[in-house]
C-alpha cells in the first residue's frame, strides 16, 4: 500500500480546489452581469464616442460632431468624406386601419381612442438630413438655416412652414398625424415602431443628453443609425420613427397656429415619449434642436 498523502499536500489540494471554484463563480457572475446589462448602443459598423454613434475611423470633435472620413458605416448608410449619410429612399405604406389607444393601458386618458382608415402612401425612409436640406437651399427653394455641419444628421431648428416648403420641393408634403402614427404603429397597433416592448438604446436614439443612453449630447444622431428600431413594412423599413428628432406633422386645422410633433427625440429621458400614439402640440413657429421632419408622397 502507498503512503497516505501528507497533511500539507491535502491542505494544498483543498486550497487549489477552493480557488478554482471561486474563479468559476466569479466568471459565471461576470457572464450573468454581461448578459443582463443593456445591449450595445451602436450598430455594427459604428462606434460609441461619448453620447454619439460615429462611423468607424471617425472622431468626436469639440462641438460633439462625428468628424473625419469614416472607413465604415452602419448598414444602409454610405461612407462619404464628411461622414456617414443615409440615402434619400422612400417606402410605400400599404393602406390599413390605424387603431389608437384601446390596446395600450398607458394611453388611457392620454390619447383619444379611435380608429381611422389610412389610404396607401409613401414616406421617407429616413428623416430629412442636412445634406438633403442643403440641396434645397442651393436650388433657391428653401430658407437657409444654421446647420451643424454633419451631412448625415437630421436637419433641426426648422419651422413647420420651412419643413413644408422642403417637402414641396421634393415632390411631396408633410405627413398627416395619421400617416406618421400608422407608419410607426402599423395595422397591429404596435406600442413602438419595432414592437410592443424593448425600448433600449440600441433601437432608439433617446436619453442622450442626460441619460439613460448617453450624457452631454448637443444634437441628434445620424439618421438611420439605429436600424434595429426600424418599423418593418412589406416594401421596406422606416427608420427613427421613435427618437432621434421629433417630427412635424401637417396641422389638423391649418391656420390655428398649432401643429403636432411625433416620435419623441434624443432629449427625452422616458420611454413613454417614444410611444406610437404620443403627440405634442406646439406653435408652428417653433424652432428646436430636437425637432425635424420627413415627407410623405403619393403612393
C-alpha atoms as a PDB file:
ATOM      1  CA  UNK A   1       0.000   0.000   0.000  1.00  0.00           C
ATOM      2  CA  UNK A   2       1.237   3.537  -0.847  1.00  0.00           C
ATOM      3  CA  UNK A   3       1.887   6.091   1.763  1.00  0.00           C
ATOM      4  CA  UNK A   4      -1.034   8.345   2.747  1.00  0.00           C
ATOM      5  CA  UNK A   5      -0.758  11.952   1.486  1.00  0.00           C
ATOM      6  CA  UNK A   6       0.722  14.286   3.996  1.00  0.00           C
ATOM      7  CA  UNK A   7      -1.413  16.890   5.772  1.00  0.00           C
ATOM      8  CA  UNK A   8       0.355  19.658   3.815  1.00  0.00           C
ATOM      9  CA  UNK A   9      -0.447  18.040   0.477  1.00  0.00           C
ATOM     10  CA  UNK A  10      -4.085  17.600   1.486  1.00  0.00           C
ATOM     11  CA  UNK A  11      -4.379  21.240   2.528  1.00  0.00           C
ATOM     12  CA  UNK A  12      -2.750  22.417  -0.741  1.00  0.00           C
ATOM     13  CA  UNK A  13      -5.129  20.325  -2.834  1.00  0.00           C
ATOM     14  CA  UNK A  14      -8.157  21.709  -0.963  1.00  0.00           C
ATOM     15  CA  UNK A  15      -6.890  25.277  -1.311  1.00  0.00           C
ATOM     16  CA  UNK A  16      -6.410  24.815  -5.056  1.00  0.00           C
ATOM     17  CA  UNK A  17      -9.924  23.395  -5.389  1.00  0.00           C
ATOM     18  CA  UNK A  18     -11.388  26.306  -3.437  1.00  0.00           C
ATOM     19  CA  UNK A  19      -9.519  28.845  -5.551  1.00  0.00           C
ATOM     20  CA  UNK A  20     -10.722  27.191  -8.758  1.00  0.00           C
ATOM     21  CA  UNK A  21     -14.314  27.166  -7.524  1.00  0.00           C
ATOM     22  CA  UNK A  22     -14.049  30.828  -6.581  1.00  0.00           C
ATOM     23  CA  UNK A  23     -12.753  31.735 -10.049  1.00  0.00           C
ATOM     24  CA  UNK A  24     -15.557  29.761 -11.643  1.00  0.00           C
ATOM     25  CA  UNK A  25     -18.153  31.594  -9.537  1.00  0.00           C
ATOM     26  CA  UNK A  26     -16.622  34.961 -10.426  1.00  0.00           C
ATOM     27  CA  UNK A  27     -16.665  34.047 -14.126  1.00  0.00           C
ATOM     28  CA  UNK A  28     -20.298  32.941 -14.001  1.00  0.00           C
ATOM     29  CA  UNK A  29     -21.274  36.143 -12.180  1.00  0.00           C
ATOM     30  CA  UNK A  30     -19.447  38.294 -14.746  1.00  0.00           C
ATOM     31  CA  UNK A  31     -21.155  36.474 -17.620  1.00  0.00           C
ATOM     32  CA  UNK A  32     -24.536  36.955 -15.944  1.00  0.00           C
ATOM     33  CA  UNK A  33     -23.888  40.674 -15.481  1.00  0.00           C
ATOM     34  CA  UNK A  34     -22.847  40.971 -19.138  1.00  0.00           C
ATOM     35  CA  UNK A  35     -25.984  39.223 -20.367  1.00  0.00           C
ATOM     36  CA  UNK A  36     -28.230  41.213 -18.042  1.00  0.00           C
ATOM     37  CA  UNK A  37     -26.689  44.549 -18.998  1.00  0.00           C
ATOM     38  CA  UNK A  38     -28.079  46.892 -21.635  1.00  0.00           C
ATOM     39  CA  UNK A  39     -27.403  45.961 -25.260  1.00  0.00           C
ATOM     40  CA  UNK A  40     -24.707  47.770 -27.209  1.00  0.00           C
ATOM     41  CA  UNK A  41     -25.861  51.233 -28.238  1.00  0.00           C
ATOM     42  CA  UNK A  42     -24.268  51.360 -31.665  1.00  0.00           C
ATOM     43  CA  UNK A  43     -24.946  49.130 -34.656  1.00  0.00           C
ATOM     44  CA  UNK A  44     -22.165  47.136 -36.376  1.00  0.00           C
ATOM     45  CA  UNK A  45     -20.037  49.498 -38.433  1.00  0.00           C
ATOM     46  CA  UNK A  46     -20.488  52.283 -35.883  1.00  0.00           C
ATOM     47  CA  UNK A  47     -18.514  53.053 -32.719  1.00  0.00           C
ATOM     48  CA  UNK A  48     -19.614  54.716 -29.492  1.00  0.00           C
ATOM     49  CA  UNK A  49     -17.859  58.052 -28.962  1.00  0.00           C
ATOM     50  CA  UNK A  50     -19.246  59.904 -25.972  1.00  0.00           C
ATOM     51  CA  UNK A  51     -23.023  60.071 -26.472  1.00  0.00           C
ATOM     52  CA  UNK A  52     -22.734  59.542 -30.257  1.00  0.00           C
ATOM     53  CA  UNK A  53     -22.509  56.604 -32.634  1.00  0.00           C
ATOM     54  CA  UNK A  54     -19.979  57.552 -35.320  1.00  0.00           C
ATOM     55  CA  UNK A  55     -18.580  55.699 -38.298  1.00  0.00           C
ATOM     56  CA  UNK A  56     -15.506  53.584 -37.781  1.00  0.00           C
ATOM     57  CA  UNK A  57     -12.401  55.750 -38.131  1.00  0.00           C
ATOM     58  CA  UNK A  58     -14.124  58.974 -37.108  1.00  0.00           C
ATOM     59  CA  UNK A  59     -13.520  61.084 -34.015  1.00  0.00           C
ATOM     60  CA  UNK A  60     -15.752  63.270 -31.853  1.00  0.00           C
ATOM     61  CA  UNK A  61     -14.870  66.957 -32.173  1.00  0.00           C
ATOM     62  CA  UNK A  62     -15.302  69.689 -29.571  1.00  0.00           C
ATOM     63  CA  UNK A  63     -18.795  70.524 -30.885  1.00  0.00           C
ATOM     64  CA  UNK A  64     -19.979  66.943 -30.377  1.00  0.00           C
ATOM     65  CA  UNK A  65     -19.900  66.100 -34.092  1.00  0.00           C
ATOM     66  CA  UNK A  66     -18.644  62.918 -35.748  1.00  0.00           C
ATOM     67  CA  UNK A  67     -15.670  64.272 -37.693  1.00  0.00           C
ATOM     68  CA  UNK A  68     -13.349  62.877 -40.316  1.00  0.00           C
ATOM     69  CA  UNK A  69     -13.823  60.400 -43.136  1.00  0.00           C
ATOM     70  CA  UNK A  70     -15.305  57.094 -41.914  1.00  0.00           C
ATOM     71  CA  UNK A  71     -13.761  53.821 -43.027  1.00  0.00           C
ATOM     72  CA  UNK A  72     -17.069  52.040 -42.425  1.00  0.00           C
ATOM     73  CA  UNK A  73     -20.663  52.972 -41.589  1.00  0.00           C
ATOM     74  CA  UNK A  74     -23.697  51.106 -40.311  1.00  0.00           C
ATOM     75  CA  UNK A  75     -25.859  49.020 -42.616  1.00  0.00           C
ATOM     76  CA  UNK A  76     -27.768  51.164 -45.113  1.00  0.00           C
ATOM     77  CA  UNK A  77     -25.545  54.226 -44.638  1.00  0.00           C
ATOM     78  CA  UNK A  78     -22.923  55.362 -47.138  1.00  0.00           C
ATOM     79  CA  UNK A  79     -19.413  56.428 -46.188  1.00  0.00           C
ATOM     80  CA  UNK A  80     -18.699  59.906 -47.575  1.00  0.00           C
ATOM     81  CA  UNK A  81     -15.676  62.146 -46.936  1.00  0.00           C
ATOM     82  CA  UNK A  82     -17.706  64.233 -44.485  1.00  0.00           C
ATOM     83  CA  UNK A  83     -19.357  61.312 -42.664  1.00  0.00           C
ATOM     84  CA  UNK A  84     -21.967  58.566 -42.830  1.00  0.00           C
ATOM     85  CA  UNK A  85     -25.071  59.527 -44.818  1.00  0.00           C
ATOM     86  CA  UNK A  86     -28.478  57.893 -45.328  1.00  0.00           C
ATOM     87  CA  UNK A  87     -29.913  57.673 -48.861  1.00  0.00           C
ATOM     88  CA  UNK A  88     -32.988  59.613 -49.948  1.00  0.00           C
ATOM     89  CA  UNK A  89     -35.120  56.468 -50.080  1.00  0.00           C
ATOM     90  CA  UNK A  90     -38.889  56.152 -49.712  1.00  0.00           C
ATOM     91  CA  UNK A  91     -41.064  53.259 -48.531  1.00  0.00           C
ATOM     92  CA  UNK A  92     -44.607  52.533 -49.670  1.00  0.00           C
ATOM     93  CA  UNK A  93     -47.001  52.098 -46.746  1.00  0.00           C
ATOM     94  CA  UNK A  94     -49.966  49.904 -47.667  1.00  0.00           C
ATOM     95  CA  UNK A  95     -53.469  51.088 -46.779  1.00  0.00           C
ATOM     96  CA  UNK A  96     -54.851  49.944 -43.436  1.00  0.00           C
ATOM     97  CA  UNK A  97     -56.709  50.856 -40.284  1.00  0.00           C
ATOM     98  CA  UNK A  98     -54.961  52.872 -37.581  1.00  0.00           C
ATOM     99  CA  UNK A  99     -56.146  51.924 -34.095  1.00  0.00           C
ATOM    100  CA  UNK A 100     -55.018  54.171 -31.263  1.00  0.00           C
ATOM    101  CA  UNK A 101     -55.492  53.801 -27.536  1.00  0.00           C
ATOM    102  CA  UNK A 102     -57.544  50.697 -26.738  1.00  0.00           C
ATOM    103  CA  UNK A 103     -54.687  48.168 -26.749  1.00  0.00           C
ATOM    104  CA  UNK A 104     -52.293  50.165 -24.539  1.00  0.00           C
ATOM    105  CA  UNK A 105     -53.287  50.865 -20.936  1.00  0.00           C
ATOM    106  CA  UNK A 106     -50.737  53.694 -20.746  1.00  0.00           C
ATOM    107  CA  UNK A 107     -52.665  55.523 -23.460  1.00  0.00           C
ATOM    108  CA  UNK A 108     -55.855  55.556 -21.431  1.00  0.00           C
ATOM    109  CA  UNK A 109     -56.786  59.126 -20.587  1.00  0.00           C
ATOM    110  CA  UNK A 110     -53.845  60.418 -22.652  1.00  0.00           C
ATOM    111  CA  UNK A 111     -54.957  59.803 -26.225  1.00  0.00           C
ATOM    112  CA  UNK A 112     -58.455  59.700 -27.629  1.00  0.00           C
ATOM    113  CA  UNK A 113     -59.216  56.115 -28.597  1.00  0.00           C
ATOM    114  CA  UNK A 114     -60.086  55.998 -32.272  1.00  0.00           C
ATOM    115  CA  UNK A 115     -59.956  54.018 -35.485  1.00  0.00           C
ATOM    116  CA  UNK A 116     -59.325  55.618 -38.863  1.00  0.00           C
ATOM    117  CA  UNK A 117     -58.661  54.200 -42.314  1.00  0.00           C
ATOM    118  CA  UNK A 118     -55.359  55.404 -43.804  1.00  0.00           C
ATOM    119  CA  UNK A 119     -55.052  55.173 -47.614  1.00  0.00           C
ATOM    120  CA  UNK A 120     -51.771  53.953 -49.101  1.00  0.00           C
ATOM    121  CA  UNK A 121     -48.925  56.489 -49.265  1.00  0.00           C
ATOM    122  CA  UNK A 122     -45.140  56.623 -49.467  1.00  0.00           C
ATOM    123  CA  UNK A 123     -42.894  58.022 -46.760  1.00  0.00           C
ATOM    124  CA  UNK A 124     -39.248  58.999 -46.458  1.00  0.00           C
ATOM    125  CA  UNK A 125     -37.381  56.016 -45.033  1.00  0.00           C
ATOM    126  CA  UNK A 126     -35.107  58.451 -43.154  1.00  0.00           C
ATOM    127  CA  UNK A 127     -35.548  61.831 -41.535  1.00  0.00           C
ATOM    128  CA  UNK A 128     -34.574  64.674 -43.869  1.00  0.00           C
ATOM    129  CA  UNK A 129     -30.843  65.209 -43.403  1.00  0.00           C
ATOM    130  CA  UNK A 130     -28.719  68.330 -43.558  1.00  0.00           C
ATOM    131  CA  UNK A 131     -27.337  67.119 -46.887  1.00  0.00           C
ATOM    132  CA  UNK A 132     -30.791  66.891 -48.462  1.00  0.00           C
ATOM    133  CA  UNK A 133     -31.939  70.202 -46.998  1.00  0.00           C
ATOM    134  CA  UNK A 134     -28.780  71.960 -48.216  1.00  0.00           C
ATOM    135  CA  UNK A 135     -29.597  70.835 -51.770  1.00  0.00           C
ATOM    136  CA  UNK A 136     -32.953  72.617 -51.479  1.00  0.00           C
ATOM    137  CA  UNK A 137     -31.224  75.777 -50.225  1.00  0.00           C
ATOM    138  CA  UNK A 138     -28.743  75.604 -53.119  1.00  0.00           C
ATOM    139  CA  UNK A 139     -31.671  75.359 -55.538  1.00  0.00           C
ATOM    140  CA  UNK A 140     -33.174  78.535 -54.055  1.00  0.00           C
ATOM    141  CA  UNK A 141     -36.302  76.728 -52.868  1.00  0.00           C
ATOM    142  CA  UNK A 142     -35.605  76.610 -49.108  1.00  0.00           C
ATOM    143  CA  UNK A 143     -34.604  79.138 -46.479  1.00  0.00           C
ATOM    144  CA  UNK A 144     -31.014  78.939 -45.280  1.00  0.00           C
ATOM    145  CA  UNK A 145     -30.647  77.641 -41.723  1.00  0.00           C
ATOM    146  CA  UNK A 146     -27.727  77.305 -39.293  1.00  0.00           C
ATOM    147  CA  UNK A 147     -26.576  73.696 -39.753  1.00  0.00           C
ATOM    148  CA  UNK A 148     -24.432  71.511 -37.506  1.00  0.00           C
ATOM    149  CA  UNK A 149     -22.088  70.634 -40.354  1.00  0.00           C
ATOM    150  CA  UNK A 150     -22.737  66.885 -40.455  1.00  0.00           C
ATOM    151  CA  UNK A 151     -24.421  65.895 -43.722  1.00  0.00           C
ATOM    152  CA  UNK A 152     -25.956  62.744 -42.248  1.00  0.00           C
ATOM    153  CA  UNK A 153     -27.748  64.188 -39.210  1.00  0.00           C
ATOM    154  CA  UNK A 154     -31.389  65.307 -39.448  1.00  0.00           C
ATOM    155  CA  UNK A 155     -31.924  68.978 -40.109  1.00  0.00           C
ATOM    156  CA  UNK A 156     -33.296  70.681 -36.982  1.00  0.00           C
ATOM    157  CA  UNK A 157     -34.365  74.157 -35.918  1.00  0.00           C
ATOM    158  CA  UNK A 158     -36.835  74.172 -38.803  1.00  0.00           C
ATOM    159  CA  UNK A 159     -40.358  75.598 -38.580  1.00  0.00           C
ATOM    160  CA  UNK A 160     -43.491  73.925 -39.902  1.00  0.00           C
ATOM    161  CA  UNK A 161     -43.589  76.247 -42.935  1.00  0.00           C
ATOM    162  CA  UNK A 162     -39.923  75.640 -43.781  1.00  0.00           C
ATOM    163  CA  UNK A 163     -40.445  71.890 -43.491  1.00  0.00           C
ATOM    164  CA  UNK A 164     -43.493  72.015 -45.777  1.00  0.00           C
ATOM    165  CA  UNK A 165     -41.546  74.094 -48.300  1.00  0.00           C
ATOM    166  CA  UNK A 166     -38.825  71.460 -48.474  1.00  0.00           C
ATOM    167  CA  UNK A 167     -41.374  68.660 -48.929  1.00  0.00           C
ATOM    168  CA  UNK A 168     -42.988  70.569 -51.812  1.00  0.00           C
ATOM    169  CA  UNK A 169     -39.531  70.927 -53.396  1.00  0.00           C
ATOM    170  CA  UNK A 170     -39.064  67.142 -53.026  1.00  0.00           C
ATOM    171  CA  UNK A 171     -42.423  66.430 -54.667  1.00  0.00           C
ATOM    172  CA  UNK A 172     -44.356  65.614 -51.526  1.00  0.00           C
ATOM    173  CA  UNK A 173     -45.913  67.164 -48.442  1.00  0.00           C
ATOM    174  CA  UNK A 174     -45.668  66.953 -44.700  1.00  0.00           C
ATOM    175  CA  UNK A 175     -47.313  63.728 -43.498  1.00  0.00           C
ATOM    176  CA  UNK A 176     -50.544  63.904 -41.555  1.00  0.00           C
ATOM    177  CA  UNK A 177     -50.587  62.793 -37.941  1.00  0.00           C
ATOM    178  CA  UNK A 178     -52.464  59.653 -39.017  1.00  0.00           C
ATOM    179  CA  UNK A 179     -49.819  58.815 -41.607  1.00  0.00           C
ATOM    180  CA  UNK A 180     -46.966  59.190 -39.116  1.00  0.00           C
ATOM    181  CA  UNK A 181     -48.776  57.187 -36.455  1.00  0.00           C
ATOM    182  CA  UNK A 182     -49.743  54.431 -38.884  1.00  0.00           C
ATOM    183  CA  UNK A 183     -46.209  54.177 -40.287  1.00  0.00           C
ATOM    184  CA  UNK A 184     -44.975  53.645 -36.713  1.00  0.00           C
ATOM    185  CA  UNK A 185     -47.787  51.506 -35.269  1.00  0.00           C
ATOM    186  CA  UNK A 186     -48.815  49.514 -38.335  1.00  0.00           C
ATOM    187  CA  UNK A 187     -52.123  47.620 -38.568  1.00  0.00           C
ATOM    188  CA  UNK A 188     -51.248  45.669 -35.394  1.00  0.00           C
ATOM    189  CA  UNK A 189     -51.101  48.871 -33.301  1.00  0.00           C
ATOM    190  CA  UNK A 190     -47.535  48.395 -32.079  1.00  0.00           C
ATOM    191  CA  UNK A 191     -46.562  50.318 -28.968  1.00  0.00           C
ATOM    192  CA  UNK A 192     -43.202  51.179 -30.537  1.00  0.00           C
ATOM    193  CA  UNK A 193     -42.210  51.127 -34.218  1.00  0.00           C
ATOM    194  CA  UNK A 194     -40.320  47.828 -33.715  1.00  0.00           C
ATOM    195  CA  UNK A 195     -42.875  46.092 -31.468  1.00  0.00           C
ATOM    196  CA  UNK A 196     -44.575  46.233 -28.084  1.00  0.00           C
ATOM    197  CA  UNK A 197     -41.513  46.004 -25.812  1.00  0.00           C
ATOM    198  CA  UNK A 198     -37.806  46.734 -25.767  1.00  0.00           C
ATOM    199  CA  UNK A 199     -37.251  50.496 -25.664  1.00  0.00           C
ATOM    200  CA  UNK A 200     -33.476  50.031 -25.398  1.00  0.00           C
ATOM    201  CA  UNK A 201     -30.583  52.176 -26.522  1.00  0.00           C
ATOM    202  CA  UNK A 202     -29.568  50.030 -29.500  1.00  0.00           C
ATOM    203  CA  UNK A 203     -33.041  50.526 -31.014  1.00  0.00           C
ATOM    204  CA  UNK A 204     -33.721  54.189 -30.442  1.00  0.00           C
ATOM    205  CA  UNK A 205     -31.718  57.400 -30.006  1.00  0.00           C
ATOM    206  CA  UNK A 206     -33.214  58.875 -26.840  1.00  0.00           C
ATOM    207  CA  UNK A 207     -31.884  59.984 -23.471  1.00  0.00           C
ATOM    208  CA  UNK A 208     -28.607  61.183 -24.985  1.00  0.00           C
ATOM    209  CA  UNK A 209     -28.383  64.481 -23.121  1.00  0.00           C
ATOM    210  CA  UNK A 210     -28.940  63.356 -19.528  1.00  0.00           C
ATOM    211  CA  UNK A 211     -29.318  59.562 -19.723  1.00  0.00           C
ATOM    212  CA  UNK A 212     -30.212  56.769 -19.857  1.00  0.00           C
ATOM    213  CA  UNK A 213     -28.464  56.223 -23.215  1.00  0.00           C
ATOM    214  CA  UNK A 214     -25.800  58.910 -23.063  1.00  0.00           C
ATOM    215  CA  UNK A 215     -24.658  62.122 -21.437  1.00  0.00           C
ATOM    216  CA  UNK A 216     -23.870  65.549 -22.815  1.00  0.00           C
ATOM    217  CA  UNK A 217     -25.201  65.248 -26.364  1.00  0.00           C
ATOM    218  CA  UNK A 218     -25.752  68.578 -28.113  1.00  0.00           C
ATOM    219  CA  UNK A 219     -27.736  67.324 -31.098  1.00  0.00           C
ATOM    220  CA  UNK A 220     -29.286  64.296 -32.764  1.00  0.00           C
ATOM    221  CA  UNK A 221     -27.667  61.123 -34.024  1.00  0.00           C
ATOM    222  CA  UNK A 222     -27.071  60.237 -37.667  1.00  0.00           C
ATOM    223  CA  UNK A 223     -30.329  59.421 -39.435  1.00  0.00           C
ATOM    224  CA  UNK A 224     -30.654  55.646 -39.660  1.00  0.00           C
ATOM    225  CA  UNK A 225     -28.046  54.877 -37.002  1.00  0.00           C
ATOM    226  CA  UNK A 226     -30.466  52.584 -35.090  1.00  0.00           C
ATOM    227  CA  UNK A 227     -31.564  50.014 -37.713  1.00  0.00           C
ATOM    228  CA  UNK A 228     -32.816  47.571 -35.052  1.00  0.00           C
ATOM    229  CA  UNK A 229     -35.570  50.039 -34.177  1.00  0.00           C
ATOM    230  CA  UNK A 230     -36.968  50.477 -37.682  1.00  0.00           C
ATOM    231  CA  UNK A 231     -40.638  49.917 -38.463  1.00  0.00           C
ATOM    232  CA  UNK A 232     -40.896  46.995 -40.892  1.00  0.00           C
ATOM    233  CA  UNK A 233     -43.343  47.224 -43.785  1.00  0.00           C
ATOM    234  CA  UNK A 234     -43.895  44.953 -46.758  1.00  0.00           C
ATOM    235  CA  UNK A 235     -41.961  47.286 -49.065  1.00  0.00           C
ATOM    236  CA  UNK A 236     -39.131  48.256 -46.716  1.00  0.00           C
ATOM    237  CA  UNK A 237     -38.141  49.720 -43.370  1.00  0.00           C
ATOM    238  CA  UNK A 238     -38.764  53.198 -41.977  1.00  0.00           C
ATOM    239  CA  UNK A 239     -36.090  54.415 -39.558  1.00  0.00           C
ATOM    240  CA  UNK A 240     -36.173  56.665 -36.486  1.00  0.00           C
ATOM    241  CA  UNK A 241     -39.958  56.971 -36.192  1.00  0.00           C
ATOM    242  CA  UNK A 242     -39.210  56.981 -32.465  1.00  0.00           C
ATOM    243  CA  UNK A 243     -36.397  59.061 -31.034  1.00  0.00           C
ATOM    244  CA  UNK A 244     -33.584  60.999 -32.709  1.00  0.00           C
ATOM    245  CA  UNK A 245     -35.703  64.037 -33.658  1.00  0.00           C
ATOM    246  CA  UNK A 246     -39.394  64.614 -33.083  1.00  0.00           C
ATOM    247  CA  UNK A 247     -41.119  65.147 -36.422  1.00  0.00           C
ATOM    248  CA  UNK A 248     -43.567  67.730 -37.701  1.00  0.00           C
ATOM    249  CA  UNK A 249     -46.978  66.583 -38.917  1.00  0.00           C
ATOM    250  CA  UNK A 250     -49.267  68.670 -41.096  1.00  0.00           C
ATOM    251  CA  UNK A 251     -51.725  70.613 -38.899  1.00  0.00           C
ATOM    252  CA  UNK A 252     -55.223  69.246 -38.439  1.00  0.00           C
ATOM    253  CA  UNK A 253     -56.647  72.755 -38.796  1.00  0.00           C
ATOM    254  CA  UNK A 254     -54.393  74.940 -40.946  1.00  0.00           C
ATOM    255  CA  UNK A 255     -54.278  78.494 -39.713  1.00  0.00           C
ATOM    256  CA  UNK A 256     -54.827  77.909 -35.993  1.00  0.00           C
ATOM    257  CA  UNK A 257     -51.107  78.364 -35.214  1.00  0.00           C
ATOM    258  CA  UNK A 258     -50.516  74.920 -33.691  1.00  0.00           C
ATOM    259  CA  UNK A 259     -49.434  71.544 -35.029  1.00  0.00           C
ATOM    260  CA  UNK A 260     -48.392  68.165 -33.697  1.00  0.00           C
ATOM    261  CA  UNK A 261     -44.945  66.630 -33.366  1.00  0.00           C
ATOM    262  CA  UNK A 262     -44.474  62.879 -33.116  1.00  0.00           C
ATOM    263  CA  UNK A 263     -41.988  60.246 -32.013  1.00  0.00           C
ATOM    264  CA  UNK A 264     -40.003  61.784 -29.164  1.00  0.00           C
ATOM    265  CA  UNK A 265     -36.369  62.794 -29.554  1.00  0.00           C
ATOM    266  CA  UNK A 266     -32.773  62.488 -28.401  1.00  0.00           C
ATOM    267  CA  UNK A 267     -33.546  64.805 -25.460  1.00  0.00           C
ATOM    268  CA  UNK A 268     -36.364  62.674 -23.993  1.00  0.00           C
ATOM    269  CA  UNK A 269     -35.424  60.588 -20.964  1.00  0.00           C
ATOM    270  CA  UNK A 270     -38.569  58.431 -20.639  1.00  0.00           C
ATOM    271  CA  UNK A 271     -39.720  55.638 -22.950  1.00  0.00           C
ATOM    272  CA  UNK A 272     -43.292  56.972 -22.792  1.00  0.00           C
ATOM    273  CA  UNK A 273     -42.239  59.757 -25.185  1.00  0.00           C
ATOM    274  CA  UNK A 274     -41.466  57.105 -27.813  1.00  0.00           C
ATOM    275  CA  UNK A 275     -44.926  55.509 -27.971  1.00  0.00           C
ATOM    276  CA  UNK A 276     -46.505  55.383 -31.413  1.00  0.00           C
ATOM    277  CA  UNK A 277     -49.533  57.271 -30.094  1.00  0.00           C
ATOM    278  CA  UNK A 278     -47.531  60.032 -28.415  1.00  0.00           C
ATOM    279  CA  UNK A 279     -48.131  63.520 -29.827  1.00  0.00           C
ATOM    280  CA  UNK A 280     -47.255  67.022 -28.678  1.00  0.00           C
ATOM    281  CA  UNK A 281     -48.910  70.222 -29.839  1.00  0.00           C
ATOM    282  CA  UNK A 282     -46.527  73.155 -30.358  1.00  0.00           C
ATOM    283  CA  UNK A 283     -46.716  76.522 -32.143  1.00  0.00           C
ATOM    284  CA  UNK A 284     -45.982  76.232 -35.871  1.00  0.00           C
ATOM    285  CA  UNK A 285     -43.190  78.809 -35.499  1.00  0.00           C
ATOM    286  CA  UNK A 286     -41.259  76.554 -33.084  1.00  0.00           C
ATOM    287  CA  UNK A 287     -37.543  76.090 -33.742  1.00  0.00           C
ATOM    288  CA  UNK A 288     -35.928  73.416 -31.619  1.00  0.00           C
ATOM    289  CA  UNK A 289     -32.694  71.398 -31.735  1.00  0.00           C
ATOM    290  CA  UNK A 290     -34.723  68.220 -31.274  1.00  0.00           C
ATOM    291  CA  UNK A 291     -37.380  68.877 -33.951  1.00  0.00           C
ATOM    292  CA  UNK A 292     -37.080  67.861 -37.616  1.00  0.00           C
ATOM    293  CA  UNK A 293     -39.282  66.201 -40.232  1.00  0.00           C
ATOM    294  CA  UNK A 294     -39.712  63.745 -43.089  1.00  0.00           C
ATOM    295  CA  UNK A 295     -42.001  63.904 -46.130  1.00  0.00           C
ATOM    296  CA  UNK A 296     -44.917  61.881 -47.470  1.00  0.00           C
ATOM    297  CA  UNK A 297     -45.666  61.258 -51.165  1.00  0.00           C
ATOM    298  CA  UNK A 298     -48.443  59.823 -53.328  1.00  0.00           C
ATOM    299  CA  UNK A 299     -48.203  56.028 -53.454  1.00  0.00           C
END
